[in-house]
Amino acid sequence: VAATLSQLPVKPQNLLVTGGGRRNPVMVRLLAEACQIPAVPVEHHGFNGDAIEAEAFAWLAVRHVRGLPISWPETTGVPAPLPGGFITFP
């Protein structure tokens, strides 16, 4: 995260932390220290931290099923927009 922040044109004022790690105060503190900006759980801004990751994976899955890209040259360096991954059933 800290390395990525150095690539942004403007450094954010704080980090909104989601996922299970947001419940680990040591991890959040170390993230803030590494990035040199405050890091707070997304709940501090009214978001549901338990839902965000599930919603993101659902969005990615729907785009994949519809053949829409989830990865772009500008964000990941792939040669062309790609739907990514494979869906297999046992």
C-alpha atoms as a PDB file:
ATOM      1  CA  VAL A   1       0.000   0.000   0.000  1.00  0.00           C
ATOM      2  CA  ALA A   2       2.782   2.417   0.936  1.00  0.00           C
ATOM      3  CA  ALA A   3       4.595   1.789  -2.373  1.00  0.00           C
ATOM      4  CA  THR A   4       1.390   2.365  -4.339  1.00  0.00           C
ATOM      5  CA  LEU A   5       0.697   5.664  -2.557  1.00  0.00           C
ATOM      6  CA  SER A   6       3.998   7.015  -3.859  1.00  0.00           C
ATOM      7  CA  GLN A   7       2.659   6.581  -7.417  1.00  0.00           C
ATOM      8  CA  LEU A   8      -0.442   8.710  -6.878  1.00  0.00           C
ATOM      9  CA  PRO A   9      -0.463  12.309  -8.119  1.00  0.00           C
ATOM     10  CA  VAL A  10      -1.886  13.448  -4.759  1.00  0.00           C
ATOM     11  CA  LYS A  11      -1.424  11.587  -1.498  1.00  0.00           C
ATOM     12  CA  PRO A  12      -4.739  10.860   0.260  1.00  0.00           C
ATOM     13  CA  GLN A  13      -5.429  12.436   3.633  1.00  0.00           C
ATOM     14  CA  ASN A  14      -6.235   9.060   5.207  1.00  0.00           C
ATOM     15  CA  LEU A  15      -6.705   5.382   4.428  1.00  0.00           C
ATOM     16  CA  LEU A  16     -10.040   3.637   4.773  1.00  0.00           C
ATOM     17  CA  VAL A  17      -9.344   0.054   5.815  1.00  0.00           C
ATOM     18  CA  THR A  18     -11.711  -2.799   5.023  1.00  0.00           C
ATOM     19  CA  GLY A  19     -11.520  -6.580   5.206  1.00  0.00           C
ATOM     20  CA  GLY A  20     -10.733  -8.619   8.276  1.00  0.00           C
ATOM     21  CA  GLY A  21      -7.482  -6.777   8.913  1.00  0.00           C
ATOM     22  CA  ARG A  22      -9.375  -3.660   9.909  1.00  0.00           C
ATOM     23  CA  ARG A  23     -10.214  -5.420  13.187  1.00  0.00           C
ATOM     24  CA  ASN A  24      -6.542  -5.873  14.014  1.00  0.00           C
ATOM     25  CA  PRO A  25      -5.389  -2.662  15.729  1.00  0.00           C
ATOM     26  CA  VAL A  26      -1.721  -3.580  15.364  1.00  0.00           C
ATOM     27  CA  MET A  27      -2.102  -4.104  11.614  1.00  0.00           C
ATOM     28  CA  VAL A  28      -3.994  -0.826  11.194  1.00  0.00           C
ATOM     29  CA  ARG A  29      -1.356   1.044  13.230  1.00  0.00           C
ATOM     30  CA  LEU A  30       1.505  -0.480  11.204  1.00  0.00           C
ATOM     31  CA  LEU A  31      -0.290   0.389   7.956  1.00  0.00           C
ATOM     32  CA  ALA A  32      -0.689   3.997   9.085  1.00  0.00           C
ATOM     33  CA  GLU A  33       2.964   4.170  10.104  1.00  0.00           C
ATOM     34  CA  ALA A  34       4.193   2.671   6.825  1.00  0.00           C
ATOM     35  CA  CYS A  35       2.031   5.065   4.784  1.00  0.00           C
ATOM     36  CA  GLN A  36       2.587   8.045   7.082  1.00  0.00           C
ATOM     37  CA  ILE A  37      -1.118   8.920   7.050  1.00  0.00           C
ATOM     38  CA  PRO A  38      -3.996   7.966   9.365  1.00  0.00           C
ATOM     39  CA  ALA A  39      -5.673   4.619   8.720  1.00  0.00           C
ATOM     40  CA  VAL A  40      -9.205   4.047  10.001  1.00  0.00           C
ATOM     41  CA  PRO A  41     -11.793   1.296   9.587  1.00  0.00           C
ATOM     42  CA  VAL A  42     -14.378   2.123   6.922  1.00  0.00           C
ATOM     43  CA  GLU A  43     -17.095   2.141   9.592  1.00  0.00           C
ATOM     44  CA  HIS A  44     -15.769   5.543  10.703  1.00  0.00           C
ATOM     45  CA  HIS A  45     -17.155   6.896   7.430  1.00  0.00           C
ATOM     46  CA  GLY A  46     -20.462   5.029   7.502  1.00  0.00           C
ATOM     47  CA  PHE A  47     -19.543   2.023   5.338  1.00  0.00           C
ATOM     48  CA  ASN A  48     -20.215  -1.613   6.192  1.00  0.00           C
ATOM     49  CA  GLY A  49     -16.771  -3.182   6.411  1.00  0.00           C
ATOM     50  CA  ASP A  50     -18.185  -6.703   6.408  1.00  0.00           C
ATOM     51  CA  ALA A  51     -20.000  -6.149   3.104  1.00  0.00           C
ATOM     52  CA  ILE A  52     -17.445  -4.292   0.976  1.00  0.00           C
ATOM     53  CA  GLU A  53     -15.211  -7.273   0.169  1.00  0.00           C
ATOM     54  CA  ALA A  54     -18.210  -9.501  -0.625  1.00  0.00           C
ATOM     55  CA  GLU A  55     -19.692  -6.794  -2.847  1.00  0.00           C
ATOM     56  CA  ALA A  56     -16.390  -6.370  -4.691  1.00  0.00           C
ATOM     57  CA  PHE A  57     -16.084 -10.096  -5.402  1.00  0.00           C
ATOM     58  CA  ALA A  58     -19.707 -10.232  -6.560  1.00  0.00           C
ATOM     59  CA  TRP A  59     -19.059  -7.301  -8.929  1.00  0.00           C
ATOM     60  CA  LEU A  60     -15.970  -9.056 -10.313  1.00  0.00           C
ATOM     61  CA  ALA A  61     -17.879 -12.342 -10.745  1.00  0.00           C
ATOM     62  CA  VAL A  62     -20.761 -10.728 -12.640  1.00  0.00           C
ATOM     63  CA  ARG A  63     -18.364  -8.892 -14.937  1.00  0.00           C
ATOM     64  CA  HIS A  64     -16.506 -12.141 -15.601  1.00  0.00           C
ATOM     65  CA  VAL A  65     -19.691 -14.101 -16.367  1.00  0.00           C
ATOM     66  CA  ARG A  66     -20.751 -11.358 -18.797  1.00  0.00           C
ATOM     67  CA  GLY A  67     -17.328 -11.349 -20.466  1.00  0.00           C
ATOM     68  CA  LEU A  68     -16.581  -7.815 -19.282  1.00  0.00           C
ATOM     69  CA  PRO A  69     -13.089  -6.791 -18.234  1.00  0.00           C
ATOM     70  CA  ILE A  70     -11.934  -6.669 -14.630  1.00  0.00           C
ATOM     71  CA  SER A  71      -8.341  -5.773 -15.473  1.00  0.00           C
ATOM     72  CA  TRP A  72      -7.103  -2.930 -17.681  1.00  0.00           C
ATOM     73  CA  PRO A  73      -3.713  -1.943 -19.138  1.00  0.00           C
ATOM     74  CA  GLU A  74      -3.762   1.332 -17.207  1.00  0.00           C
ATOM     75  CA  THR A  75      -4.199  -0.374 -13.839  1.00  0.00           C
ATOM     76  CA  THR A  76      -2.451  -3.739 -14.109  1.00  0.00           C
ATOM     77  CA  GLY A  77      -0.332  -3.597 -17.267  1.00  0.00           C
ATOM     78  CA  VAL A  78      -2.204  -6.359 -19.100  1.00  0.00           C
ATOM     79  CA  PRO A  79      -1.943  -6.082 -22.905  1.00  0.00           C
ATOM     80  CA  ALA A  80      -5.700  -5.471 -23.320  1.00  0.00           C
ATOM     81  CA  PRO A  81      -8.789  -5.298 -21.080  1.00  0.00           C
ATOM     82  CA  LEU A  82      -9.355  -8.830 -19.760  1.00  0.00           C
ATOM     83  CA  PRO A  83     -12.238 -10.587 -17.987  1.00  0.00           C
ATOM     84  CA  GLY A  84      -9.788 -12.608 -15.877  1.00  0.00           C
ATOM     85  CA  GLY A  85      -9.919 -16.027 -14.312  1.00  0.00           C
ATOM     86  CA  PHE A  86     -11.866 -19.195 -14.963  1.00  0.00           C
ATOM     87  CA  ILE A  87     -15.042 -20.543 -13.453  1.00  0.00           C
ATOM     88  CA  THR A  88     -14.991 -24.293 -12.894  1.00  0.00           C
ATOM     89  CA  PHE A  89     -17.505 -26.579 -11.298  1.00  0.00           C
ATOM     90  CA  PRO A  90     -16.602 -29.802  -9.503  1.00  0.00           C
END
